[in-house]
Amino acid sequence: MNARLQLEDLVKLLHVPAAVKSDKIRSPETFDLCARSTGRTFTIRGFNDYGMAELWIDEEGRDSTDACADSIWIEPDCLEVQS
């Protein structure tokens, strides 16, 4: 896991992850959500066992405080901590 990322950090989604791009045909909703979210700032809501950060995203591709919003797991190299 990228040690610089911590729970509740504000991060910018820099780009759509390569795995999401390569799976665009099978999972177009995930690709579209990531594409709408690129360049926006989110709060890290958690981490999985692989060190990926959980982001909660509303339908417009913005940060959400609602646990029932869409969530995506993002590789740390796709994120940049915002000060």
PDB file of N, CA and C in Angstrom:
ATOM      1  N   MET A   1       0.845  -1.196   0.000  1.00  0.00           N
ATOM      2  CA  MET A   1       0.000   0.000   0.000  1.00  0.00           C
ATOM      3  C   MET A   1       0.879   1.244   0.000  1.00  0.00           C
ATOM      4  N   ASN A   2       0.421   2.260  -0.666  1.00  0.00           N
ATOM      5  CA  ASN A   2       1.124   3.533  -0.708  1.00  0.00           C
ATOM      6  C   ASN A   2       1.019   4.177   0.679  1.00  0.00           C
ATOM      7  N   ALA A   3       2.139   4.274   1.404  1.00  0.00           N
ATOM      8  CA  ALA A   3       2.134   4.738   2.794  1.00  0.00           C
ATOM      9  C   ALA A   3       1.662   6.182   2.938  1.00  0.00           C
ATOM     10  N   ARG A   4       1.738   6.958   1.887  1.00  0.00           N
ATOM     11  CA  ARG A   4       1.330   8.357   2.003  1.00  0.00           C
ATOM     12  C   ARG A   4      -0.181   8.523   2.072  1.00  0.00           C
ATOM     13  N   LEU A   5      -0.938   7.541   1.615  1.00  0.00           N
ATOM     14  CA  LEU A   5      -2.401   7.641   1.663  1.00  0.00           C
ATOM     15  C   LEU A   5      -2.918   7.148   3.002  1.00  0.00           C
ATOM     16  N   GLN A   6      -3.868   7.906   3.558  1.00  0.00           N
ATOM     17  CA  GLN A   6      -4.462   7.546   4.838  1.00  0.00           C
ATOM     18  C   GLN A   6      -5.975   7.707   4.762  1.00  0.00           C
ATOM     19  N   LEU A   7      -6.660   7.023   5.658  1.00  0.00           N
ATOM     20  CA  LEU A   7      -8.100   7.129   5.761  1.00  0.00           C
ATOM     21  C   LEU A   7      -8.496   8.595   5.915  1.00  0.00           C
ATOM     22  N   GLU A   8      -9.494   9.023   5.176  1.00  0.00           N
ATOM     23  CA  GLU A   8     -10.050  10.374   5.178  1.00  0.00           C
ATOM     24  C   GLU A   8      -9.175  11.421   4.497  1.00  0.00           C
ATOM     25  N   ASP A   9      -8.068  11.002   3.866  1.00  0.00           N
ATOM     26  CA  ASP A   9      -7.304  11.944   3.039  1.00  0.00           C
ATOM     27  C   ASP A   9      -8.183  12.428   1.896  1.00  0.00           C
ATOM     28  N   LEU A  10      -7.981  13.671   1.488  1.00  0.00           N
ATOM     29  CA  LEU A  10      -8.592  14.192   0.267  1.00  0.00           C
ATOM     30  C   LEU A  10      -7.639  13.894  -0.880  1.00  0.00           C
ATOM     31  N   VAL A  11      -8.154  13.235  -1.909  1.00  0.00           N
ATOM     32  CA  VAL A  11      -7.318  12.843  -3.046  1.00  0.00           C
ATOM     33  C   VAL A  11      -7.997  13.210  -4.358  1.00  0.00           C
ATOM     34  N   LYS A  12      -7.170  13.478  -5.360  1.00  0.00           N
ATOM     35  CA  LYS A  12      -7.680  13.729  -6.708  1.00  0.00           C
ATOM     36  C   LYS A  12      -7.501  12.443  -7.512  1.00  0.00           C
ATOM     37  N   LEU A  13      -8.552  12.056  -8.239  1.00  0.00           N
ATOM     38  CA  LEU A  13      -8.458  10.920  -9.152  1.00  0.00           C
ATOM     39  C   LEU A  13      -7.784  11.407 -10.425  1.00  0.00           C
ATOM     40  N   LEU A  14      -6.588  10.905 -10.690  1.00  0.00           N
ATOM     41  CA  LEU A  14      -5.771  11.396 -11.795  1.00  0.00           C
ATOM     42  C   LEU A  14      -6.164  10.825 -13.151  1.00  0.00           C
ATOM     43  N   HIS A  15      -6.549   9.563 -13.174  1.00  0.00           N
ATOM     44  CA  HIS A  15      -6.892   8.911 -14.437  1.00  0.00           C
ATOM     45  C   HIS A  15      -7.678   7.631 -14.180  1.00  0.00           C
ATOM     46  N   VAL A  16      -8.317   7.145 -15.218  1.00  0.00           N
ATOM     47  CA  VAL A  16      -9.036   5.877 -15.142  1.00  0.00           C
ATOM     48  C   VAL A  16      -7.995   4.757 -15.050  1.00  0.00           C
ATOM     49  N   PRO A  17      -8.138   3.852 -14.087  1.00  0.00           N
ATOM     50  CA  PRO A  17      -7.172   2.753 -13.957  1.00  0.00           C
ATOM     51  C   PRO A  17      -7.101   1.899 -15.227  1.00  0.00           C
ATOM     52  N   ALA A  18      -5.924   1.383 -15.519  1.00  0.00           N
ATOM     53  CA  ALA A  18      -5.710   0.570 -16.722  1.00  0.00           C
ATOM     54  C   ALA A  18      -6.641  -0.640 -16.760  1.00  0.00           C
ATOM     55  N   ALA A  19      -6.862  -1.278 -15.614  1.00  0.00           N
ATOM     56  CA  ALA A  19      -7.733  -2.459 -15.571  1.00  0.00           C
ATOM     57  C   ALA A  19      -9.170  -2.096 -15.940  1.00  0.00           C
ATOM     58  N   VAL A  20      -9.612  -0.913 -15.554  1.00  0.00           N
ATOM     59  CA  VAL A  20     -10.971  -0.466 -15.886  1.00  0.00           C
ATOM     60  C   VAL A  20     -11.057  -0.156 -17.383  1.00  0.00           C
ATOM     61  N   LYS A  21     -10.019   0.464 -17.927  1.00  0.00           N
ATOM     62  CA  LYS A  21      -9.996   0.745 -19.367  1.00  0.00           C
ATOM     63  C   LYS A  21     -10.055  -0.543 -20.183  1.00  0.00           C
ATOM     64  N   SER A  22      -9.278  -1.537 -19.773  1.00  0.00           N
ATOM     65  CA  SER A  22      -9.217  -2.783 -20.538  1.00  0.00           C
ATOM     66  C   SER A  22     -10.497  -3.606 -20.419  1.00  0.00           C
ATOM     67  N   ASP A  23     -11.311  -3.336 -19.406  1.00  0.00           N
ATOM     68  CA  ASP A  23     -12.554  -4.073 -19.187  1.00  0.00           C
ATOM     69  C   ASP A  23     -13.782  -3.226 -19.548  1.00  0.00           C
ATOM     70  N   LYS A  24     -13.565  -2.182 -20.333  1.00  0.00           N
ATOM     71  CA  LYS A  24     -14.631  -1.229 -20.673  1.00  0.00           C
ATOM     72  C   LYS A  24     -15.839  -1.900 -21.336  1.00  0.00           C
ATOM     73  N   ILE A  25     -15.616  -2.881 -22.166  1.00  0.00           N
ATOM     74  CA  ILE A  25     -16.702  -3.550 -22.882  1.00  0.00           C
ATOM     75  C   ILE A  25     -17.591  -4.331 -21.916  1.00  0.00           C
ATOM     76  N   ARG A  26     -16.992  -5.037 -20.977  1.00  0.00           N
ATOM     77  CA  ARG A  26     -17.769  -5.845 -20.028  1.00  0.00           C
ATOM     78  C   ARG A  26     -18.358  -5.030 -18.889  1.00  0.00           C
ATOM     79  N   SER A  27     -17.716  -3.926 -18.523  1.00  0.00           N
ATOM     80  CA  SER A  27     -18.177  -3.108 -17.396  1.00  0.00           C
ATOM     81  C   SER A  27     -18.231  -1.627 -17.781  1.00  0.00           C
ATOM     82  N   PRO A  28     -19.108  -1.273 -18.713  1.00  0.00           N
ATOM     83  CA  PRO A  28     -19.148   0.122 -19.169  1.00  0.00           C
ATOM     84  C   PRO A  28     -19.569   1.095 -18.073  1.00  0.00           C
ATOM     85  N   GLU A  29     -20.395   0.652 -17.120  1.00  0.00           N
ATOM     86  CA  GLU A  29     -20.828   1.542 -16.037  1.00  0.00           C
ATOM     87  C   GLU A  29     -19.654   1.957 -15.166  1.00  0.00           C
ATOM     88  N   THR A  30     -18.773   1.007 -14.876  1.00  0.00           N
ATOM     89  CA  THR A  30     -17.593   1.315 -14.060  1.00  0.00           C
ATOM     90  C   THR A  30     -16.673   2.280 -14.799  1.00  0.00           C
ATOM     91  N   PHE A  31     -16.470   2.019 -16.085  1.00  0.00           N
ATOM     92  CA  PHE A  31     -15.633   2.922 -16.877  1.00  0.00           C
ATOM     93  C   PHE A  31     -16.221   4.328 -16.897  1.00  0.00           C
ATOM     94  N   ASP A  32     -17.510   4.431 -17.161  1.00  0.00           N
ATOM     95  CA  ASP A  32     -18.159   5.748 -17.223  1.00  0.00           C
ATOM     96  C   ASP A  32     -18.068   6.490 -15.898  1.00  0.00           C
ATOM     97  N   LEU A  33     -18.269   5.777 -14.790  1.00  0.00           N
ATOM     98  CA  LEU A  33     -18.175   6.399 -13.464  1.00  0.00           C
ATOM     99  C   LEU A  33     -16.762   6.922 -13.212  1.00  0.00           C
ATOM    100  N   CYS A  34     -15.759   6.120 -13.532  1.00  0.00           N
ATOM    101  CA  CYS A  34     -14.370   6.559 -13.352  1.00  0.00           C
ATOM    102  C   CYS A  34     -14.040   7.731 -14.262  1.00  0.00           C
ATOM    103  N   ALA A  35     -14.517   7.681 -15.500  1.00  0.00           N
ATOM    104  CA  ALA A  35     -14.242   8.772 -16.445  1.00  0.00           C
ATOM    105  C   ALA A  35     -14.873  10.079 -15.965  1.00  0.00           C
ATOM    106  N   ARG A  36     -16.113  10.020 -15.469  1.00  0.00           N
ATOM    107  CA  ARG A  36     -16.773  11.230 -14.947  1.00  0.00           C
ATOM    108  C   ARG A  36     -16.071  11.772 -13.708  1.00  0.00           C
ATOM    109  N   SER A  37     -15.413  10.889 -12.979  1.00  0.00           N
ATOM    110  CA  SER A  37     -14.790  11.260 -11.708  1.00  0.00           C
ATOM    111  C   SER A  37     -13.354  11.758 -11.859  1.00  0.00           C
ATOM    112  N   THR A  38     -12.741  11.503 -12.998  1.00  0.00           N
ATOM    113  CA  THR A  38     -11.350  11.892 -13.206  1.00  0.00           C
ATOM    114  C   THR A  38     -11.191  13.405 -13.069  1.00  0.00           C
ATOM    115  N   GLY A  39     -10.178  13.800 -12.305  1.00  0.00           N
ATOM    116  CA  GLY A  39      -9.900  15.216 -12.075  1.00  0.00           C
ATOM    117  C   GLY A  39     -10.620  15.788 -10.867  1.00  0.00           C
ATOM    118  N   ARG A  40     -11.502  15.013 -10.255  1.00  0.00           N
ATOM    119  CA  ARG A  40     -12.257  15.476  -9.089  1.00  0.00           C
ATOM    120  C   ARG A  40     -11.622  14.980  -7.798  1.00  0.00           C
ATOM    121  N   THR A  41     -12.018  15.628  -6.698  1.00  0.00           N
ATOM    122  CA  THR A  41     -11.443  15.333  -5.382  1.00  0.00           C
ATOM    123  C   THR A  41     -12.419  14.515  -4.548  1.00  0.00           C
ATOM    124  N   PHE A  42     -11.874  13.519  -3.846  1.00  0.00           N
ATOM    125  CA  PHE A  42     -12.661  12.594  -3.040  1.00  0.00           C
ATOM    126  C   PHE A  42     -12.009  12.355  -1.688  1.00  0.00           C
ATOM    127  N   THR A  43     -12.809  11.894  -0.754  1.00  0.00           N
ATOM    128  CA  THR A  43     -12.326  11.481   0.561  1.00  0.00           C
ATOM    129  C   THR A  43     -12.111   9.976   0.541  1.00  0.00           C
ATOM    130  N   ILE A  44     -10.958   9.515   1.009  1.00  0.00           N
ATOM    131  CA  ILE A  44     -10.726   8.072   1.109  1.00  0.00           C
ATOM    132  C   ILE A  44     -11.575   7.532   2.250  1.00  0.00           C
ATOM    133  N   ARG A  45     -12.428   6.562   1.939  1.00  0.00           N
ATOM    134  CA  ARG A  45     -13.354   5.977   2.917  1.00  0.00           C
ATOM    135  C   ARG A  45     -12.851   4.678   3.515  1.00  0.00           C
ATOM    136  N   GLY A  46     -11.851   4.056   2.911  1.00  0.00           N
ATOM    137  CA  GLY A  46     -11.317   2.800   3.424  1.00  0.00           C
ATOM    138  C   GLY A  46     -10.236   2.263   2.507  1.00  0.00           C
ATOM    139  N   PHE A  47      -9.661   1.137   2.905  1.00  0.00           N
ATOM    140  CA  PHE A  47      -8.650   0.433   2.118  1.00  0.00           C
ATOM    141  C   PHE A  47      -8.980  -1.048   2.135  1.00  0.00           C
ATOM    142  N   ASN A  48      -8.673  -1.740   1.039  1.00  0.00           N
ATOM    143  CA  ASN A  48      -8.850  -3.190   1.049  1.00  0.00           C
ATOM    144  C   ASN A  48      -7.515  -3.872   1.324  1.00  0.00           C
ATOM    145  N   ASP A  49      -7.513  -5.194   1.319  1.00  0.00           N
ATOM    146  CA  ASP A  49      -6.304  -5.965   1.624  1.00  0.00           C
ATOM    147  C   ASP A  49      -5.200  -5.778   0.587  1.00  0.00           C
ATOM    148  N   TYR A  50      -5.551  -5.251  -0.575  1.00  0.00           N
ATOM    149  CA  TYR A  50      -4.567  -5.044  -1.637  1.00  0.00           C
ATOM    150  C   TYR A  50      -4.036  -3.615  -1.668  1.00  0.00           C
ATOM    151  N   GLY A  51      -4.474  -2.783  -0.720  1.00  0.00           N
ATOM    152  CA  GLY A  51      -4.001  -1.406  -0.640  1.00  0.00           C
ATOM    153  C   GLY A  51      -4.751  -0.430  -1.524  1.00  0.00           C
ATOM    154  N   MET A  52      -5.844  -0.894  -2.126  1.00  0.00           N
ATOM    155  CA  MET A  52      -6.644   0.003  -2.957  1.00  0.00           C
ATOM    156  C   MET A  52      -7.535   0.863  -2.067  1.00  0.00           C
ATOM    157  N   ALA A  53      -7.722   2.113  -2.466  1.00  0.00           N
ATOM    158  CA  ALA A  53      -8.516   3.059  -1.688  1.00  0.00           C
ATOM    159  C   ALA A  53      -9.974   3.012  -2.137  1.00  0.00           C
ATOM    160  N   GLU A  54     -10.887   3.096  -1.173  1.00  0.00           N
ATOM    161  CA  GLU A  54     -12.316   3.132  -1.470  1.00  0.00           C
ATOM    162  C   GLU A  54     -12.776   4.582  -1.534  1.00  0.00           C
ATOM    163  N   LEU A  55     -13.448   4.929  -2.635  1.00  0.00           N
ATOM    164  CA  LEU A  55     -14.024   6.257  -2.816  1.00  0.00           C
ATOM    165  C   LEU A  55     -15.530   6.104  -2.983  1.00  0.00           C
ATOM    166  N   TRP A  56     -16.300   7.001  -2.361  1.00  0.00           N
ATOM    167  CA  TRP A  56     -17.752   7.021  -2.544  1.00  0.00           C
ATOM    168  C   TRP A  56     -18.066   8.113  -3.552  1.00  0.00           C
ATOM    169  N   ILE A  57     -18.840   7.757  -4.571  1.00  0.00           N
ATOM    170  CA  ILE A  57     -19.065   8.659  -5.691  1.00  0.00           C
ATOM    171  C   ILE A  57     -20.560   8.740  -5.997  1.00  0.00           C
ATOM    172  N   ASP A  58     -21.054   9.974  -6.179  1.00  0.00           N
ATOM    173  CA  ASP A  58     -22.464  10.130  -6.539  1.00  0.00           C
ATOM    174  C   ASP A  58     -22.644   9.915  -8.047  1.00  0.00           C
ATOM    175  N   GLU A  59     -23.880   9.987  -8.515  1.00  0.00           N
ATOM    176  CA  GLU A  59     -24.178   9.716  -9.925  1.00  0.00           C
ATOM    177  C   GLU A  59     -23.521  10.687 -10.887  1.00  0.00           C
ATOM    178  N   GLU A  60     -23.182  11.874 -10.396  1.00  0.00           N
ATOM    179  CA  GLU A  60     -22.539  12.887 -11.239  1.00  0.00           C
ATOM    180  C   GLU A  60     -21.019  12.758 -11.248  1.00  0.00           C
ATOM    181  N   GLY A  61     -20.484  11.794 -10.492  1.00  0.00           N
ATOM    182  CA  GLY A  61     -19.043  11.608 -10.441  1.00  0.00           C
ATOM    183  C   GLY A  61     -18.361  12.473  -9.402  1.00  0.00           C
ATOM    184  N   ARG A  62     -19.124  12.913  -8.388  1.00  0.00           N
ATOM    185  CA  ARG A  62     -18.567  13.760  -7.328  1.00  0.00           C
ATOM    186  C   ARG A  62     -18.473  12.985  -6.023  1.00  0.00           C
ATOM    187  N   ASP A  63     -17.680  13.515  -5.093  1.00  0.00           N
ATOM    188  CA  ASP A  63     -17.529  12.925  -3.767  1.00  0.00           C
ATOM    189  C   ASP A  63     -18.889  12.839  -3.087  1.00  0.00           C
ATOM    190  N   SER A  64     -19.132  11.750  -2.380  1.00  0.00           N
ATOM    191  CA  SER A  64     -20.391  11.562  -1.677  1.00  0.00           C
ATOM    192  C   SER A  64     -20.119  11.232  -0.214  1.00  0.00           C
ATOM    193  N   THR A  65     -20.996  11.678   0.658  1.00  0.00           N
ATOM    194  CA  THR A  65     -20.916  11.313   2.076  1.00  0.00           C
ATOM    195  C   THR A  65     -21.883  10.178   2.389  1.00  0.00           C
ATOM    196  N   ASP A  66     -22.586   9.708   1.385  1.00  0.00           N
ATOM    197  CA  ASP A  66     -23.601   8.670   1.532  1.00  0.00           C
ATOM    198  C   ASP A  66     -22.984   7.291   1.302  1.00  0.00           C
ATOM    199  N   ALA A  67     -23.036   6.452   2.323  1.00  0.00           N
ATOM    200  CA  ALA A  67     -22.475   5.105   2.214  1.00  0.00           C
ATOM    201  C   ALA A  67     -23.208   4.260   1.178  1.00  0.00           C
ATOM    202  N   CYS A  68     -24.391   4.678   0.780  1.00  0.00           N
ATOM    203  CA  CYS A  68     -25.156   3.945  -0.237  1.00  0.00           C
ATOM    204  C   CYS A  68     -24.830   4.416  -1.652  1.00  0.00           C
ATOM    205  N   ALA A  69     -23.948   5.376  -1.794  1.00  0.00           N
ATOM    206  CA  ALA A  69     -23.528   5.855  -3.118  1.00  0.00           C
ATOM    207  C   ALA A  69     -22.717   4.753  -3.804  1.00  0.00           C
ATOM    208  N   ASP A  70     -22.395   4.977  -5.080  1.00  0.00           N
ATOM    209  CA  ASP A  70     -21.485   4.051  -5.749  1.00  0.00           C
ATOM    210  C   ASP A  70     -20.133   4.128  -5.062  1.00  0.00           C
ATOM    211  N   SER A  71     -19.455   3.010  -4.993  1.00  0.00           N
ATOM    212  CA  SER A  71     -18.099   3.040  -4.463  1.00  0.00           C
ATOM    213  C   SER A  71     -17.184   2.357  -5.467  1.00  0.00           C
ATOM    214  N   ILE A  72     -15.973   2.858  -5.547  1.00  0.00           N
ATOM    215  CA  ILE A  72     -14.968   2.235  -6.403  1.00  0.00           C
ATOM    216  C   ILE A  72     -13.704   2.042  -5.598  1.00  0.00           C
ATOM    217  N   TRP A  73     -12.968   1.021  -5.970  1.00  0.00           N
ATOM    218  CA  TRP A  73     -11.671   0.732  -5.358  1.00  0.00           C
ATOM    219  C   TRP A  73     -10.608   1.129  -6.371  1.00  0.00           C
ATOM    220  N   ILE A  74      -9.724   2.015  -5.966  1.00  0.00           N
ATOM    221  CA  ILE A  74      -8.763   2.630  -6.871  1.00  0.00           C
ATOM    222  C   ILE A  74      -7.329   2.349  -6.407  1.00  0.00           C
ATOM    223  N   GLU A  75      -6.474   2.031  -7.366  1.00  0.00           N
ATOM    224  CA  GLU A  75      -5.050   1.842  -7.070  1.00  0.00           C
ATOM    225  C   GLU A  75      -4.446   3.184  -6.625  1.00  0.00           C
ATOM    226  N   PRO A  76      -3.542   3.152  -5.652  1.00  0.00           N
ATOM    227  CA  PRO A  76      -2.940   4.397  -5.157  1.00  0.00           C
ATOM    228  C   PRO A  76      -2.233   5.220  -6.229  1.00  0.00           C
ATOM    229  N   ASP A  77      -1.693   4.579  -7.276  1.00  0.00           N
ATOM    230  CA  ASP A  77      -0.998   5.362  -8.297  1.00  0.00           C
ATOM    231  C   ASP A  77      -1.957   6.183  -9.167  1.00  0.00           C
ATOM    232  N   CYS A  78      -3.245   5.996  -8.998  1.00  0.00           N
ATOM    233  CA  CYS A  78      -4.257   6.793  -9.717  1.00  0.00           C
ATOM    234  C   CYS A  78      -4.691   8.005  -8.913  1.00  0.00           C
ATOM    235  N   LEU A  79      -4.136   8.147  -7.699  1.00  0.00           N
ATOM    236  CA  LEU A  79      -4.578   9.195  -6.769  1.00  0.00           C
ATOM    237  C   LEU A  79      -3.437  10.137  -6.401  1.00  0.00           C
ATOM    238  N   GLU A  80      -3.803  11.367  -6.098  1.00  0.00           N
ATOM    239  CA  GLU A  80      -2.836  12.371  -5.637  1.00  0.00           C
ATOM    240  C   GLU A  80      -3.440  13.058  -4.416  1.00  0.00           C
ATOM    241  N   VAL A  81      -2.692  13.065  -3.312  1.00  0.00           N
ATOM    242  CA  VAL A  81      -3.163  13.702  -2.094  1.00  0.00           C
ATOM    243  C   VAL A  81      -3.252  15.205  -2.325  1.00  0.00           C
ATOM    244  N   GLN A  82      -4.363  15.793  -1.886  1.00  0.00           N
ATOM    245  CA  GLN A  82      -4.579  17.237  -1.991  1.00  0.00           C
ATOM    246  C   GLN A  82      -4.346  17.877  -0.632  1.00  0.00           C
ATOM    247  N   SER A  83      -3.727  19.032  -0.636  1.00  0.00           N
ATOM    248  CA  SER A  83      -3.449  19.696   0.650  1.00  0.00           C
ATOM    249  C   SER A  83      -4.507  20.707   0.996  1.00  0.00           C
TER     250      SER A  83
END
